[in-house]
Amino acid sequence: MKGTILVTYKILCKADLNKELSLNDLLTNEKIAKIIKSEYAKGFRNLVLNAEPNDSVIKIETQKELHTFEVLKDDFADILDLAEEDALNKKLIKKDCERVELVDIETKP
């Protein structure tokens, strides 16, 4: 195959936060509900906060720097190994930060 692949990855650490909250869970929290009511409905009483049944999800995660490198399309099967190798070469892998997560794979002609 001709062409290249642009690979984007990030380094994951043991201390990273990656949590998902449903909108319903968030609105049932008394502190959050009080803040929303005081900010958007000041002076009103007997208010109830509701979420739609399709319940959206809010993600709380550690912001990470994204790293990129380019490989030939022939190397597609080895992309994860090559990302780990790239991270080692750039000295991004340290104690407690040893995992690589692929974020995006973009083909180029």
PDB file of N, CA and C in Angstrom:
ATOM      1  N   MET A   1       0.833  -1.186   0.000  1.00  0.00           N
ATOM      2  CA  MET A   1       0.000   0.000   0.000  1.00  0.00           C
ATOM      3  C   MET A   1       0.875   1.246   0.000  1.00  0.00           C
ATOM      4  N   LYS A   2       0.424   2.227  -0.747  1.00  0.00           N
ATOM      5  CA  LYS A   2       1.151   3.490  -0.785  1.00  0.00           C
ATOM      6  C   LYS A   2       0.513   4.461   0.184  1.00  0.00           C
ATOM      7  N   GLY A   3       1.303   5.402   0.644  1.00  0.00           N
ATOM      8  CA  GLY A   3       0.793   6.431   1.534  1.00  0.00           C
ATOM      9  C   GLY A   3       1.268   6.235   2.965  1.00  0.00           C
ATOM     10  N   THR A   4       0.821   7.151   3.797  1.00  0.00           N
ATOM     11  CA  THR A   4       1.226   7.122   5.205  1.00  0.00           C
ATOM     12  C   THR A   4       0.016   7.253   6.118  1.00  0.00           C
ATOM     13  N   ILE A   5       0.263   7.015   7.375  1.00  0.00           N
ATOM     14  CA  ILE A   5      -0.756   7.154   8.415  1.00  0.00           C
ATOM     15  C   ILE A   5      -0.220   8.103   9.471  1.00  0.00           C
ATOM     16  N   LEU A   6      -1.018   9.107   9.814  1.00  0.00           N
ATOM     17  CA  LEU A   6      -0.667  10.022  10.898  1.00  0.00           C
ATOM     18  C   LEU A   6      -1.333   9.496  12.168  1.00  0.00           C
ATOM     19  N   VAL A   7      -0.542   9.129  13.142  1.00  0.00           N
ATOM     20  CA  VAL A   7      -1.037   8.526  14.380  1.00  0.00           C
ATOM     21  C   VAL A   7      -0.921   9.540  15.512  1.00  0.00           C
ATOM     22  N   THR A   8      -2.006   9.712  16.257  1.00  0.00           N
ATOM     23  CA  THR A   8      -2.017  10.596  17.422  1.00  0.00           C
ATOM     24  C   THR A   8      -2.267   9.744  18.657  1.00  0.00           C
ATOM     25  N   TYR A   9      -1.478   9.959  19.702  1.00  0.00           N
ATOM     26  CA  TYR A   9      -1.615   9.179  20.931  1.00  0.00           C
ATOM     27  C   TYR A   9      -1.373  10.057  22.147  1.00  0.00           C
ATOM     28  N   LYS A  10      -1.736   9.513  23.311  1.00  0.00           N
ATOM     29  CA  LYS A  10      -1.438  10.197  24.569  1.00  0.00           C
ATOM     30  C   LYS A  10      -0.899   9.169  25.557  1.00  0.00           C
ATOM     31  N   ILE A  11      -0.169   9.663  26.536  1.00  0.00           N
ATOM     32  CA  ILE A  11       0.420   8.823  27.575  1.00  0.00           C
ATOM     33  C   ILE A  11      -0.520   8.803  28.775  1.00  0.00           C
ATOM     34  N   LEU A  12      -0.831   7.619  29.276  1.00  0.00           N
ATOM     35  CA  LEU A  12      -1.712   7.469  30.435  1.00  0.00           C
ATOM     36  C   LEU A  12      -0.903   7.158  31.686  1.00  0.00           C
ATOM     37  N   CYS A  13      -1.330   7.737  32.796  1.00  0.00           N
ATOM     38  CA  CYS A  13      -0.656   7.528  34.085  1.00  0.00           C
ATOM     39  C   CYS A  13      -1.626   6.879  35.075  1.00  0.00           C
ATOM     40  N   LYS A  14      -1.068   6.256  36.099  1.00  0.00           N
ATOM     41  CA  LYS A  14      -1.890   5.604  37.122  1.00  0.00           C
ATOM     42  C   LYS A  14      -2.752   6.615  37.879  1.00  0.00           C
ATOM     43  N   ALA A  15      -2.274   7.824  38.064  1.00  0.00           N
ATOM     44  CA  ALA A  15      -2.980   8.827  38.861  1.00  0.00           C
ATOM     45  C   ALA A  15      -3.993   9.633  38.046  1.00  0.00           C
ATOM     46  N   ASP A  16      -4.162   9.315  36.765  1.00  0.00           N
ATOM     47  CA  ASP A  16      -5.107  10.053  35.933  1.00  0.00           C
ATOM     48  C   ASP A  16      -6.539   9.811  36.390  1.00  0.00           C
ATOM     49  N   LEU A  17      -7.359  10.819  36.227  1.00  0.00           N
ATOM     50  CA  LEU A  17      -8.779  10.717  36.553  1.00  0.00           C
ATOM     51  C   LEU A  17      -9.552  10.515  35.261  1.00  0.00           C
ATOM     52  N   ASN A  18     -10.452   9.549  35.262  1.00  0.00           N
ATOM     53  CA  ASN A  18     -11.302   9.285  34.108  1.00  0.00           C
ATOM     54  C   ASN A  18     -12.647   8.816  34.647  1.00  0.00           C
ATOM     55  N   LYS A  19     -13.578   9.748  34.809  1.00  0.00           N
ATOM     56  CA  LYS A  19     -14.850   9.443  35.443  1.00  0.00           C
ATOM     57  C   LYS A  19     -15.995   9.942  34.576  1.00  0.00           C
ATOM     58  N   GLU A  20     -17.079   9.178  34.556  1.00  0.00           N
ATOM     59  CA  GLU A  20     -18.277   9.580  33.825  1.00  0.00           C
ATOM     60  C   GLU A  20     -19.422   9.760  34.805  1.00  0.00           C
ATOM     61  N   LEU A  21     -20.153  10.849  34.642  1.00  0.00           N
ATOM     62  CA  LEU A  21     -21.328  11.133  35.467  1.00  0.00           C
ATOM     63  C   LEU A  21     -22.515  11.348  34.554  1.00  0.00           C
ATOM     64  N   SER A  22     -23.647  10.796  34.922  1.00  0.00           N
ATOM     65  CA  SER A  22     -24.838  11.092  34.142  1.00  0.00           C
ATOM     66  C   SER A  22     -25.347  12.469  34.574  1.00  0.00           C
ATOM     67  N   LEU A  23     -26.056  13.121  33.696  1.00  0.00           N
ATOM     68  CA  LEU A  23     -26.600  14.438  34.001  1.00  0.00           C
ATOM     69  C   LEU A  23     -27.580  14.340  35.158  1.00  0.00           C
ATOM     70  N   ASN A  24     -28.314  13.249  35.225  1.00  0.00           N
ATOM     71  CA  ASN A  24     -29.250  13.028  36.325  1.00  0.00           C
ATOM     72  C   ASN A  24     -28.527  12.955  37.672  1.00  0.00           C
ATOM     73  N   ASP A  25     -27.396  12.219  37.715  1.00  0.00           N
ATOM     74  CA  ASP A  25     -26.606  12.135  38.954  1.00  0.00           C
ATOM     75  C   ASP A  25     -26.127  13.511  39.383  1.00  0.00           C
ATOM     76  N   LEU A  26     -25.715  14.296  38.423  1.00  0.00           N
ATOM     77  CA  LEU A  26     -25.217  15.636  38.708  1.00  0.00           C
ATOM     78  C   LEU A  26     -26.319  16.531  39.269  1.00  0.00           C
ATOM     79  N   LEU A  27     -27.499  16.456  38.685  1.00  0.00           N
ATOM     80  CA  LEU A  27     -28.601  17.315  39.121  1.00  0.00           C
ATOM     81  C   LEU A  27     -29.188  16.899  40.462  1.00  0.00           C
ATOM     82  N   THR A  28     -28.992  15.657  40.872  1.00  0.00           N
ATOM     83  CA  THR A  28     -29.499  15.220  42.177  1.00  0.00           C
ATOM     84  C   THR A  28     -28.545  15.593  43.313  1.00  0.00           C
ATOM     85  N   ASN A  29     -27.350  16.044  42.982  1.00  0.00           N
ATOM     86  CA  ASN A  29     -26.406  16.498  43.996  1.00  0.00           C
ATOM     87  C   ASN A  29     -26.902  17.844  44.535  1.00  0.00           C
ATOM     88  N   GLU A  30     -27.118  17.921  45.835  1.00  0.00           N
ATOM     89  CA  GLU A  30     -27.696  19.125  46.452  1.00  0.00           C
ATOM     90  C   GLU A  30     -26.860  20.383  46.216  1.00  0.00           C
ATOM     91  N   LYS A  31     -25.545  20.259  46.308  1.00  0.00           N
ATOM     92  CA  LYS A  31     -24.676  21.425  46.118  1.00  0.00           C
ATOM     93  C   LYS A  31     -24.763  21.943  44.679  1.00  0.00           C
ATOM     94  N   ILE A  32     -24.746  21.026  43.726  1.00  0.00           N
ATOM     95  CA  ILE A  32     -24.831  21.421  42.314  1.00  0.00           C
ATOM     96  C   ILE A  32     -26.189  22.056  42.026  1.00  0.00           C
ATOM     97  N   ALA A  33     -27.256  21.430  42.527  1.00  0.00           N
ATOM     98  CA  ALA A  33     -28.609  21.963  42.309  1.00  0.00           C
ATOM     99  C   ALA A  33     -28.742  23.369  42.886  1.00  0.00           C
ATOM    100  N   LYS A  34     -28.182  23.580  44.065  1.00  0.00           N
ATOM    101  CA  LYS A  34     -28.261  24.892  44.714  1.00  0.00           C
ATOM    102  C   LYS A  34     -27.530  25.951  43.882  1.00  0.00           C
ATOM    103  N   ILE A  35     -26.373  25.606  43.368  1.00  0.00           N
ATOM    104  CA  ILE A  35     -25.596  26.546  42.555  1.00  0.00           C
ATOM    105  C   ILE A  35     -26.350  26.891  41.269  1.00  0.00           C
ATOM    106  N   ILE A  36     -26.917  25.890  40.605  1.00  0.00           N
ATOM    107  CA  ILE A  36     -27.657  26.132  39.359  1.00  0.00           C
ATOM    108  C   ILE A  36     -28.867  27.017  39.624  1.00  0.00           C
ATOM    109  N   LYS A  37     -29.592  26.706  40.680  1.00  0.00           N
ATOM    110  CA  LYS A  37     -30.784  27.498  41.003  1.00  0.00           C
ATOM    111  C   LYS A  37     -30.423  28.940  41.332  1.00  0.00           C
ATOM    112  N   SER A  38     -29.366  29.141  42.113  1.00  0.00           N
ATOM    113  CA  SER A  38     -28.994  30.507  42.492  1.00  0.00           C
ATOM    114  C   SER A  38     -28.432  31.291  41.314  1.00  0.00           C
ATOM    115  N   GLU A  39     -27.820  30.621  40.357  1.00  0.00           N
ATOM    116  CA  GLU A  39     -27.239  31.300  39.199  1.00  0.00           C
ATOM    117  C   GLU A  39     -28.281  31.615  38.125  1.00  0.00           C
ATOM    118  N   TYR A  40     -29.206  30.699  37.881  1.00  0.00           N
ATOM    119  CA  TYR A  40     -30.120  30.850  36.751  1.00  0.00           C
ATOM    120  C   TYR A  40     -31.579  31.106  37.133  1.00  0.00           C
ATOM    121  N   ALA A  41     -31.923  30.986  38.398  1.00  0.00           N
ATOM    122  CA  ALA A  41     -33.325  31.194  38.798  1.00  0.00           C
ATOM    123  C   ALA A  41     -33.386  31.939  40.126  1.00  0.00           C
ATOM    124  N   LYS A  42     -32.602  32.975  40.245  1.00  0.00           N
ATOM    125  CA  LYS A  42     -32.532  33.754  41.491  1.00  0.00           C
ATOM    126  C   LYS A  42     -33.906  34.332  41.830  1.00  0.00           C
ATOM    127  N   GLY A  43     -34.326  34.159  43.062  1.00  0.00           N
ATOM    128  CA  GLY A  43     -35.572  34.735  43.532  1.00  0.00           C
ATOM    129  C   GLY A  43     -36.785  33.829  43.370  1.00  0.00           C
ATOM    130  N   PHE A  44     -36.640  32.717  42.681  1.00  0.00           N
ATOM    131  CA  PHE A  44     -37.753  31.780  42.506  1.00  0.00           C
ATOM    132  C   PHE A  44     -37.688  30.703  43.574  1.00  0.00           C
ATOM    133  N   ARG A  45     -38.846  30.155  43.932  1.00  0.00           N
ATOM    134  CA  ARG A  45     -38.907  29.112  44.958  1.00  0.00           C
ATOM    135  C   ARG A  45     -39.557  27.854  44.389  1.00  0.00           C
ATOM    136  N   ASN A  46     -39.401  26.749  45.137  1.00  0.00           N
ATOM    137  CA  ASN A  46     -39.998  25.454  44.780  1.00  0.00           C
ATOM    138  C   ASN A  46     -39.616  25.007  43.368  1.00  0.00           C
ATOM    139  N   LEU A  47     -38.343  25.056  43.075  1.00  0.00           N
ATOM    140  CA  LEU A  47     -37.852  24.642  41.763  1.00  0.00           C
ATOM    141  C   LEU A  47     -37.365  23.199  41.799  1.00  0.00           C
ATOM    142  N   VAL A  48     -37.540  22.507  40.690  1.00  0.00           N
ATOM    143  CA  VAL A  48     -37.068  21.128  40.542  1.00  0.00           C
ATOM    144  C   VAL A  48     -36.218  21.072  39.282  1.00  0.00           C
ATOM    145  N   LEU A  49     -35.062  20.405  39.364  1.00  0.00           N
ATOM    146  CA  LEU A  49     -34.195  20.227  38.196  1.00  0.00           C
ATOM    147  C   LEU A  49     -34.402  18.819  37.645  1.00  0.00           C
ATOM    148  N   ASN A  50     -34.619  18.717  36.335  1.00  0.00           N
ATOM    149  CA  ASN A  50     -34.830  17.427  35.676  1.00  0.00           C
ATOM    150  C   ASN A  50     -33.931  17.314  34.466  1.00  0.00           C
ATOM    151  N   ALA A  51     -33.611  16.071  34.107  1.00  0.00           N
ATOM    152  CA  ALA A  51     -32.863  15.802  32.880  1.00  0.00           C
ATOM    153  C   ALA A  51     -33.761  14.982  31.954  1.00  0.00           C
ATOM    154  N   GLU A  52     -33.510  15.092  30.664  1.00  0.00           N
ATOM    155  CA  GLU A  52     -34.270  14.319  29.682  1.00  0.00           C
ATOM    156  C   GLU A  52     -33.991  12.831  29.872  1.00  0.00           C
ATOM    157  N   PRO A  53     -34.902  11.979  29.440  1.00  0.00           N
ATOM    158  CA  PRO A  53     -34.719  10.526  29.595  1.00  0.00           C
ATOM    159  C   PRO A  53     -33.483   9.963  28.893  1.00  0.00           C
ATOM    160  N   ASN A  54     -33.017  10.605  27.818  1.00  0.00           N
ATOM    161  CA  ASN A  54     -31.837  10.098  27.119  1.00  0.00           C
ATOM    162  C   ASN A  54     -30.547  10.391  27.878  1.00  0.00           C
ATOM    163  N   ASP A  55     -30.648  11.006  29.033  1.00  0.00           N
ATOM    164  CA  ASP A  55     -29.584  11.200  30.011  1.00  0.00           C
ATOM    165  C   ASP A  55     -28.174  11.336  29.429  1.00  0.00           C
ATOM    166  N   SER A  56     -27.745  12.532  29.230  1.00  0.00           N
ATOM    167  CA  SER A  56     -26.402  12.805  28.727  1.00  0.00           C
ATOM    168  C   SER A  56     -25.345  12.439  29.771  1.00  0.00           C
ATOM    169  N   VAL A  57     -24.134  12.211  29.291  1.00  0.00           N
ATOM    170  CA  VAL A  57     -23.030  11.832  30.165  1.00  0.00           C
ATOM    171  C   VAL A  57     -21.992  12.947  30.164  1.00  0.00           C
ATOM    172  N   ILE A  58     -21.479  13.252  31.329  1.00  0.00           N
ATOM    173  CA  ILE A  58     -20.426  14.248  31.486  1.00  0.00           C
ATOM    174  C   ILE A  58     -19.157  13.498  31.885  1.00  0.00           C
ATOM    175  N   LYS A  59     -18.081  13.756  31.148  1.00  0.00           N
ATOM    176  CA  LYS A  59     -16.807  13.097  31.437  1.00  0.00           C
ATOM    177  C   LYS A  59     -15.885  14.063  32.167  1.00  0.00           C
ATOM    178  N   ILE A  60     -15.240  13.556  33.201  1.00  0.00           N
ATOM    179  CA  ILE A  60     -14.211  14.310  33.913  1.00  0.00           C
ATOM    180  C   ILE A  60     -12.930  13.505  33.745  1.00  0.00           C
ATOM    181  N   GLU A  61     -11.969  14.073  33.038  1.00  0.00           N
ATOM    182  CA  GLU A  61     -10.732  13.335  32.814  1.00  0.00           C
ATOM    183  C   GLU A  61      -9.537  14.273  32.816  1.00  0.00           C
ATOM    184  N   THR A  62      -8.396  13.714  33.119  1.00  0.00           N
ATOM    185  CA  THR A  62      -7.157  14.465  33.143  1.00  0.00           C
ATOM    186  C   THR A  62      -6.811  14.903  31.724  1.00  0.00           C
ATOM    187  N   GLN A  63      -6.529  16.181  31.554  1.00  0.00           N
ATOM    188  CA  GLN A  63      -6.164  16.685  30.233  1.00  0.00           C
ATOM    189  C   GLN A  63      -4.748  16.221  29.903  1.00  0.00           C
ATOM    190  N   LYS A  64      -4.597  15.684  28.719  1.00  0.00           N
ATOM    191  CA  LYS A  64      -3.309  15.132  28.306  1.00  0.00           C
ATOM    192  C   LYS A  64      -2.797  15.808  27.047  1.00  0.00           C
ATOM    193  N   GLU A  65      -1.494  15.864  26.920  1.00  0.00           N
ATOM    194  CA  GLU A  65      -0.861  16.372  25.710  1.00  0.00           C
ATOM    195  C   GLU A  65      -0.910  15.278  24.645  1.00  0.00           C
ATOM    196  N   LEU A  66      -1.235  15.659  23.421  1.00  0.00           N
ATOM    197  CA  LEU A  66      -1.299  14.698  22.323  1.00  0.00           C
ATOM    198  C   LEU A  66       0.015  14.716  21.554  1.00  0.00           C
ATOM    199  N   HIS A  67       0.470  13.531  21.164  1.00  0.00           N
ATOM    200  CA  HIS A  67       1.716  13.372  20.424  1.00  0.00           C
ATOM    201  C   HIS A  67       1.400  12.696  19.098  1.00  0.00           C
ATOM    202  N   THR A  68       2.128  13.052  18.049  1.00  0.00           N
ATOM    203  CA  THR A  68       1.877  12.465  16.738  1.00  0.00           C
ATOM    204  C   THR A  68       3.165  11.951  16.113  1.00  0.00           C
ATOM    205  N   PHE A  69       2.987  10.983  15.228  1.00  0.00           N
ATOM    206  CA  PHE A  69       4.080  10.500  14.399  1.00  0.00           C
ATOM    207  C   PHE A  69       3.463   9.911  13.136  1.00  0.00           C
ATOM    208  N   GLU A  70       4.282   9.694  12.143  1.00  0.00           N
ATOM    209  CA  GLU A  70       3.812   9.215  10.857  1.00  0.00           C
ATOM    210  C   GLU A  70       4.481   7.887  10.519  1.00  0.00           C
ATOM    211  N   VAL A  71       3.681   6.944   9.997  1.00  0.00           N
ATOM    212  CA  VAL A  71       4.203   5.636   9.579  1.00  0.00           C
ATOM    213  C   VAL A  71       3.638   5.297   8.202  1.00  0.00           C
ATOM    214  N   LEU A  72       4.236   4.316   7.553  1.00  0.00           N
ATOM    215  CA  LEU A  72       3.726   3.834   6.276  1.00  0.00           C
ATOM    216  C   LEU A  72       2.455   3.027   6.502  1.00  0.00           C
ATOM    217  N   LYS A  73       1.569   3.021   5.508  1.00  0.00           N
ATOM    218  CA  LYS A  73       0.325   2.256   5.625  1.00  0.00           C
ATOM    219  C   LYS A  73       0.596   0.774   5.832  1.00  0.00           C
ATOM    220  N   ASP A  74       1.715   0.281   5.344  1.00  0.00           N
ATOM    221  CA  ASP A  74       2.076  -1.135   5.514  1.00  0.00           C
ATOM    222  C   ASP A  74       2.251  -1.500   6.993  1.00  0.00           C
ATOM    223  N   ASP A  75       2.531  -0.517   7.842  1.00  0.00           N
ATOM    224  CA  ASP A  75       2.783  -0.756   9.263  1.00  0.00           C
ATOM    225  C   ASP A  75       1.519  -0.647  10.114  1.00  0.00           C
ATOM    226  N   PHE A  76       0.347  -0.654   9.494  1.00  0.00           N
ATOM    227  CA  PHE A  76      -0.909  -0.453  10.222  1.00  0.00           C
ATOM    228  C   PHE A  76      -1.076  -1.440  11.381  1.00  0.00           C
ATOM    229  N   ALA A  77      -0.752  -2.685  11.184  1.00  0.00           N
ATOM    230  CA  ALA A  77      -0.940  -3.713  12.222  1.00  0.00           C
ATOM    231  C   ALA A  77      -0.064  -3.459  13.446  1.00  0.00           C
ATOM    232  N   ASP A  78       1.016  -2.721  13.278  1.00  0.00           N
ATOM    233  CA  ASP A  78       1.968  -2.487  14.368  1.00  0.00           C
ATOM    234  C   ASP A  78       1.859  -1.089  14.965  1.00  0.00           C
ATOM    235  N   ILE A  79       0.761  -0.390  14.710  1.00  0.00           N
ATOM    236  CA  ILE A  79       0.659   1.017  15.131  1.00  0.00           C
ATOM    237  C   ILE A  79       0.839   1.189  16.638  1.00  0.00           C
ATOM    238  N   LEU A  80       0.223   0.343  17.450  1.00  0.00           N
ATOM    239  CA  LEU A  80       0.346   0.493  18.906  1.00  0.00           C
ATOM    240  C   LEU A  80       1.793   0.286  19.347  1.00  0.00           C
ATOM    241  N   ASP A  81       2.437  -0.742  18.824  1.00  0.00           N
ATOM    242  CA  ASP A  81       3.844  -0.969  19.162  1.00  0.00           C
ATOM    243  C   ASP A  81       4.711   0.206  18.721  1.00  0.00           C
ATOM    244  N   LEU A  82       4.415   0.752  17.552  1.00  0.00           N
ATOM    245  CA  LEU A  82       5.188   1.888  17.052  1.00  0.00           C
ATOM    246  C   LEU A  82       4.933   3.143  17.882  1.00  0.00           C
ATOM    247  N   ALA A  83       3.708   3.305  18.379  1.00  0.00           N
ATOM    248  CA  ALA A  83       3.403   4.452  19.251  1.00  0.00           C
ATOM    249  C   ALA A  83       4.178   4.326  20.559  1.00  0.00           C
ATOM    250  N   GLU A  84       4.228   3.124  21.118  1.00  0.00           N
ATOM    251  CA  GLU A  84       4.997   2.908  22.348  1.00  0.00           C
ATOM    252  C   GLU A  84       6.473   3.173  22.113  1.00  0.00           C
ATOM    253  N   GLU A  85       6.961   2.732  20.968  1.00  0.00           N
ATOM    254  CA  GLU A  85       8.367   2.956  20.615  1.00  0.00           C
ATOM    255  C   GLU A  85       8.652   4.452  20.442  1.00  0.00           C
ATOM    256  N   ASP A  86       7.730   5.173  19.800  1.00  0.00           N
ATOM    257  CA  ASP A  86       7.879   6.620  19.624  1.00  0.00           C
ATOM    258  C   ASP A  86       7.915   7.325  20.979  1.00  0.00           C
ATOM    259  N   ALA A  87       7.041   6.892  21.890  1.00  0.00           N
ATOM    260  CA  ALA A  87       7.008   7.487  23.235  1.00  0.00           C
ATOM    261  C   ALA A  87       8.312   7.222  23.978  1.00  0.00           C
ATOM    262  N   LEU A  88       8.849   6.031  23.828  1.00  0.00           N
ATOM    263  CA  LEU A  88      10.145   5.728  24.465  1.00  0.00           C
ATOM    264  C   LEU A  88      11.254   6.593  23.881  1.00  0.00           C
ATOM    265  N   ASN A  89      11.260   6.745  22.563  1.00  0.00           N
ATOM    266  CA  ASN A  89      12.295   7.561  21.903  1.00  0.00           C
ATOM    267  C   ASN A  89      12.211   9.027  22.322  1.00  0.00           C
ATOM    268  N   LYS A  90      11.004   9.514  22.554  1.00  0.00           N
ATOM    269  CA  LYS A  90      10.808  10.907  22.984  1.00  0.00           C
ATOM    270  C   LYS A  90      10.905  11.055  24.501  1.00  0.00           C
ATOM    271  N   LYS A  91      11.181   9.957  25.193  1.00  0.00           N
ATOM    272  CA  LYS A  91      11.323   9.907  26.654  1.00  0.00           C
ATOM    273  C   LYS A  91      10.066  10.402  27.371  1.00  0.00           C
ATOM    274  N   LEU A  92       8.903   9.992  26.852  1.00  0.00           N
ATOM    275  CA  LEU A  92       7.623  10.371  27.447  1.00  0.00           C
ATOM    276  C   LEU A  92       7.173   9.360  28.497  1.00  0.00           C
ATOM    277  N   ILE A  93       7.666   8.151  28.400  1.00  0.00           N
ATOM    278  CA  ILE A  93       7.269   7.100  29.335  1.00  0.00           C
ATOM    279  C   ILE A  93       8.144   7.176  30.572  1.00  0.00           C
ATOM    280  N   LYS A  94       7.470   7.322  31.715  1.00  0.00           N
ATOM    281  CA  LYS A  94       8.156   7.455  33.001  1.00  0.00           C
ATOM    282  C   LYS A  94       7.488   6.522  33.997  1.00  0.00           C
ATOM    283  N   LYS A  95       7.978   6.504  35.213  1.00  0.00           N
ATOM    284  CA  LYS A  95       7.377   5.690  36.258  1.00  0.00           C
ATOM    285  C   LYS A  95       5.932   6.145  36.467  1.00  0.00           C
ATOM    286  N   ASP A  96       5.021   5.215  36.555  1.00  0.00           N
ATOM    287  CA  ASP A  96       3.582   5.433  36.731  1.00  0.00           C
ATOM    288  C   ASP A  96       2.914   6.073  35.514  1.00  0.00           C
ATOM    289  N   CYS A  97       3.642   6.280  34.442  1.00  0.00           N
ATOM    290  CA  CYS A  97       3.078   6.787  33.184  1.00  0.00           C
ATOM    291  C   CYS A  97       3.636   5.929  32.048  1.00  0.00           C
ATOM    292  N   GLU A  98       3.141   4.716  31.983  1.00  0.00           N
ATOM    293  CA  GLU A  98       3.749   3.741  31.075  1.00  0.00           C
ATOM    294  C   GLU A  98       2.822   3.250  29.973  1.00  0.00           C
ATOM    295  N   ARG A  99       1.570   3.711  29.937  1.00  0.00           N
ATOM    296  CA  ARG A  99       0.629   3.201  28.939  1.00  0.00           C
ATOM    297  C   ARG A  99       0.402   4.229  27.835  1.00  0.00           C
ATOM    298  N   VAL A 100       0.140   3.729  26.644  1.00  0.00           N
ATOM    299  CA  VAL A 100      -0.117   4.574  25.486  1.00  0.00           C
ATOM    300  C   VAL A 100      -1.544   4.305  25.018  1.00  0.00           C
ATOM    301  N   GLU A 101      -2.300   5.382  24.753  1.00  0.00           N
ATOM    302  CA  GLU A 101      -3.643   5.250  24.206  1.00  0.00           C
ATOM    303  C   GLU A 101      -3.689   5.930  22.851  1.00  0.00           C
ATOM    304  N   LEU A 102      -4.122   5.183  21.836  1.00  0.00           N
ATOM    305  CA  LEU A 102      -4.269   5.756  20.507  1.00  0.00           C
ATOM    306  C   LEU A 102      -5.507   6.648  20.506  1.00  0.00           C
ATOM    307  N   VAL A 103      -5.355   7.866  20.014  1.00  0.00           N
ATOM    308  CA  VAL A 103      -6.442   8.831  19.994  1.00  0.00           C
ATOM    309  C   VAL A 103      -7.034   8.967  18.594  1.00  0.00           C
ATOM    310  N   ASP A 104      -6.176   8.982  17.571  1.00  0.00           N
ATOM    311  CA  ASP A 104      -6.642   9.175  16.201  1.00  0.00           C
ATOM    312  C   ASP A 104      -5.679   8.518  15.229  1.00  0.00           C
ATOM    313  N   ILE A 105      -6.247   7.971  14.169  1.00  0.00           N
ATOM    314  CA  ILE A 105      -5.456   7.385  13.081  1.00  0.00           C
ATOM    315  C   ILE A 105      -5.995   7.978  11.782  1.00  0.00           C
ATOM    316  N   GLU A 106      -5.153   8.725  11.081  1.00  0.00           N
ATOM    317  CA  GLU A 106      -5.594   9.422   9.874  1.00  0.00           C
ATOM    318  C   GLU A 106      -4.717   8.991   8.700  1.00  0.00           C
ATOM    319  N   THR A 107      -5.348   8.489   7.641  1.00  0.00           N
ATOM    320  CA  THR A 107      -4.584   8.064   6.473  1.00  0.00           C
ATOM    321  C   THR A 107      -4.325   9.256   5.564  1.00  0.00           C
ATOM    322  N   LYS A 108      -3.172   9.201   4.904  1.00  0.00           N
ATOM    323  CA  LYS A 108      -2.784  10.242   3.948  1.00  0.00           C
ATOM    324  C   LYS A 108      -2.390   9.540   2.652  1.00  0.00           C
ATOM    325  N   PRO A 109      -2.685  10.159   1.517  1.00  0.00           N
ATOM    326  CA  PRO A 109      -2.331   9.532   0.225  1.00  0.00           C
ATOM    327  C   PRO A 109      -0.842   9.454   0.008  1.00  0.00           C
TER     328      PRO A 109
END
